[in-house]
Protein backbone atom coordinates (compact mmCIF):
# COMPACT_ATOMS: atom_id res chain seq x y z
CA MET A 1 78.62 84.19 78.05
CA LYS A 2 79.39 86.94 75.55
CA HIS A 3 81.58 86.32 72.55
CA CYS A 4 85.04 86.18 74.06
CA CYS A 5 87.56 85.26 71.42
CA THR A 6 88.74 88.05 69.19
CA LYS A 7 87.91 88.08 65.53
CA LYS A 8 90.56 87.27 62.97
CA ASP A 9 91.37 90.98 62.56
CA ASN A 10 93.03 91.07 65.99
CA SER A 11 95.74 88.52 65.37
CA VAL A 12 98.21 90.42 67.59
CA LEU A 13 96.03 89.90 70.68
CA GLN A 14 95.46 86.25 69.78
CA ALA A 15 99.18 85.69 69.28
CA GLU A 16 99.97 87.30 72.64
CA ALA A 17 97.37 85.15 74.37
CA LYS A 18 98.66 81.96 72.76
CA GLU A 19 102.25 82.82 73.65
CA ILE A 20 101.35 83.39 77.32
CA ILE A 21 99.40 80.13 77.46
CA ALA A 22 102.32 78.26 75.87
CA ILE A 23 104.66 79.57 78.56
CA ALA A 24 102.34 79.35 81.56
CA GLY A 25 100.24 76.30 80.76
CA LYS A 26 96.55 76.07 80.06
CA GLU A 27 95.30 75.29 83.57
CA LYS A 28 97.53 77.37 85.84
CA THR A 29 95.56 80.52 86.67
CA ILE A 30 98.19 82.20 88.87
CA THR A 31 101.01 81.38 86.47
CA ILE A 32 99.00 82.80 83.56
CA LEU A 33 98.31 86.01 85.50
CA GLN A 34 101.99 86.30 86.46
CA GLU A 35 103.05 85.83 82.85
CA ILE A 36 100.58 88.46 81.61
CA GLN A 37 101.87 90.95 84.18
CA LYS A 38 105.49 90.09 83.42
CA LYS A 39 104.94 90.80 79.72
CA LYS A 40 102.61 93.80 80.00
CA GLY A 41 103.38 95.31 83.42
CA TYR A 42 99.71 94.90 84.38
CA ILE A 43 96.71 92.75 83.42
CA PRO A 44 94.82 94.25 80.46
CA GLU A 45 91.16 93.22 80.28
CA ASP A 46 91.14 92.43 76.55
CA LEU A 47 94.10 90.07 76.86
CA LEU A 48 92.58 88.42 79.94
CA ARG A 49 89.31 87.84 78.07
CA GLU A 50 91.15 86.30 75.13
CA ILE A 51 93.09 83.97 77.40
CA SER A 52 89.88 83.09 79.21
CA CYS A 53 88.31 82.07 75.93
CA LEU A 54 91.29 79.98 74.84
CA THR A 55 91.76 78.23 78.19
CA LYS A 56 88.05 77.86 79.03
CA ILE A 57 88.81 79.37 82.46
CA ALA A 58 86.09 81.89 83.36
CA VAL A 59 87.14 85.54 83.43
CA SER A 60 85.60 85.72 86.91
CA ASP A 61 88.00 82.99 88.08
CA PHE A 62 90.96 85.05 86.86
CA TYR A 63 89.58 88.18 88.54
CA GLY A 64 88.94 86.25 91.76
CA VAL A 65 92.58 85.19 91.94
CA ALA A 66 94.00 88.52 90.74
CA THR A 67 92.02 90.56 93.27
CA PHE A 68 92.96 88.23 96.14
CA TYR A 69 96.72 88.62 95.66
CA SER A 70 98.23 92.08 96.00
CA GLN A 71 100.95 91.34 93.41
CA PHE A 72 98.50 91.81 90.54
CA ARG A 73 97.41 95.12 89.08
CA PHE A 74 94.84 96.05 86.45
CA THR A 75 96.32 99.41 85.52
CA PRO A 76 99.76 100.19 84.12
CA LEU A 77 102.49 101.55 86.37
CA GLY A 78 103.84 105.01 85.76
CA LYS A 79 107.23 105.50 84.14
CA TYR A 80 108.58 106.31 87.61
CA VAL A 81 107.38 104.31 90.61
CA ILE A 82 107.68 106.28 93.84
CA LYS A 83 107.83 104.16 96.97
CA LEU A 84 107.40 106.07 100.19
CA CYS A 85 108.71 104.28 103.27
CA ASN A 86 106.15 104.13 106.03
CA GLY A 87 108.27 102.17 108.52
CA THR A 88 108.62 103.34 112.10
CA ALA A 89 111.81 105.39 111.61
CA CYS A 90 110.40 107.11 108.52
CA PHE A 91 106.98 107.62 110.05
CA VAL A 92 108.35 109.34 113.16
CA SER A 93 110.66 111.41 110.93
CA GLY A 94 107.82 112.84 108.85
CA ALA A 95 106.72 110.29 106.24
CA ASP A 96 103.11 111.39 106.75
CA ALA A 97 104.02 114.95 105.71
CA LEU A 98 105.87 113.55 102.68
CA TYR A 99 102.82 111.49 101.75
CA ASP A 100 100.62 114.58 101.92
CA ALA A 101 103.11 116.56 99.80
CA LEU A 102 103.33 113.78 97.22
CA CYS A 103 99.56 113.39 97.01
CA ASP A 104 99.11 117.15 96.68
CA PHE A 105 101.84 117.57 94.07
CA LEU A 106 100.96 114.51 91.98
CA LYS A 107 97.18 114.65 92.50
CA VAL A 108 97.09 110.92 93.29
CA LYS A 109 96.81 108.69 96.34
CA ASN A 110 98.57 105.46 97.30
CA GLY A 111 98.45 102.93 94.47
CA GLU A 112 97.43 105.44 91.81
CA THR A 113 99.19 106.65 88.68
CA THR A 114 99.24 110.25 87.47
CA MET A 115 97.05 111.13 84.50
CA ASP A 116 100.13 111.62 82.30
CA GLY A 117 101.43 108.13 83.20
CA LEU A 118 104.66 109.55 84.58
CA PHE A 119 104.41 108.59 88.28
CA THR A 120 102.85 105.83 90.37
CA LEU A 121 102.76 106.40 94.13
CA GLU A 122 103.09 103.45 96.50
CA THR A 123 103.73 103.19 100.21
CA ALA A 124 106.00 100.48 101.60
CA ALA A 125 106.14 98.99 105.08
CA CYS A 126 109.92 99.46 105.17
CA LEU A 127 112.63 100.15 102.60
CA GLY A 128 115.47 99.21 104.94
CA CYS A 129 117.14 102.63 104.96
CA CYS A 130 116.24 103.71 108.50
CA SER A 131 119.33 105.88 108.99
CA LEU A 132 118.20 108.02 106.03
CA ALA A 133 114.63 108.51 107.30
CA PRO A 134 112.35 109.67 105.86
CA VAL A 135 113.10 107.83 102.63
CA VAL A 136 111.58 107.76 99.18
CA MET A 137 112.62 105.39 96.44
CA ILE A 138 112.08 106.40 92.83
CA GLY A 139 112.79 103.51 90.52
CA GLU A 140 115.87 101.86 92.02
CA ARG A 141 117.29 105.06 93.51
CA VAL A 142 116.94 105.94 97.20
CA TYR A 143 116.47 109.54 98.36
CA GLY A 144 116.96 110.03 102.08
CA LYS A 145 116.31 112.82 104.57
CA GLN A 146 113.41 114.10 102.48
CA THR A 147 111.14 116.99 103.40
CA PRO A 148 107.93 118.11 101.69
CA ASP A 149 109.90 120.90 99.96
CA SER A 150 112.78 118.65 98.87
CA ILE A 151 110.45 115.99 97.48
CA ARG A 152 108.59 118.59 95.41
CA GLU A 153 111.90 119.91 94.04
CA LEU A 154 113.06 116.37 93.27
CA LEU A 155 109.85 115.65 91.35
CA LYS A 156 110.16 118.92 89.45
CA SER A 157 113.71 117.98 88.42
CA ILE A 158 112.56 114.53 87.26
CA ILE A 159 109.73 116.08 85.25
CA SER A 160 112.12 118.60 83.72
CA ALA A 161 114.71 115.93 82.86
CA ASP A 162 112.02 113.64 81.46
CA SER A 163 110.54 116.33 79.24
CA SER A 164 113.98 117.24 77.90
CA GLY A 165 114.81 113.60 77.22
CA ALA A 166 117.60 113.48 79.82
CA LYS A 167 118.00 110.44 82.01
CA SER A 168 117.24 111.08 85.69
């Protein structure tokens, strides 16, 4: 195995790793992964390697668990997470056209984050807003009765507000 623990010059990474282990425990792989993601929003490789070294749990064991469960991610989320409802009511009301418009506008697919880190696109089985179909959720806010044109305009307004420092 390659050298895994950081050198003394990366005391921030070591401190983060030790803090996570102190909270999660030294032998609880899932709990460690959950704690990393809770603190960082995703699972960074360098931090995972440091924790692996300190706990003596192989990095491959962590990856095996993290890739099995869909709750874990290895890339950061965008500032705005877009959840497109793909439930029956939304699907029959045009969610597929919304998905195409989102992918085209953002230049990403499901589960990906835009190059600028602003948006992450995710599909959801159901958002529970069937009367508003088709529905998109951005952050905690629900936008119903969306069309490809309205979703593009909504994204443009979020981008404009974000670049001006306004809260959307």
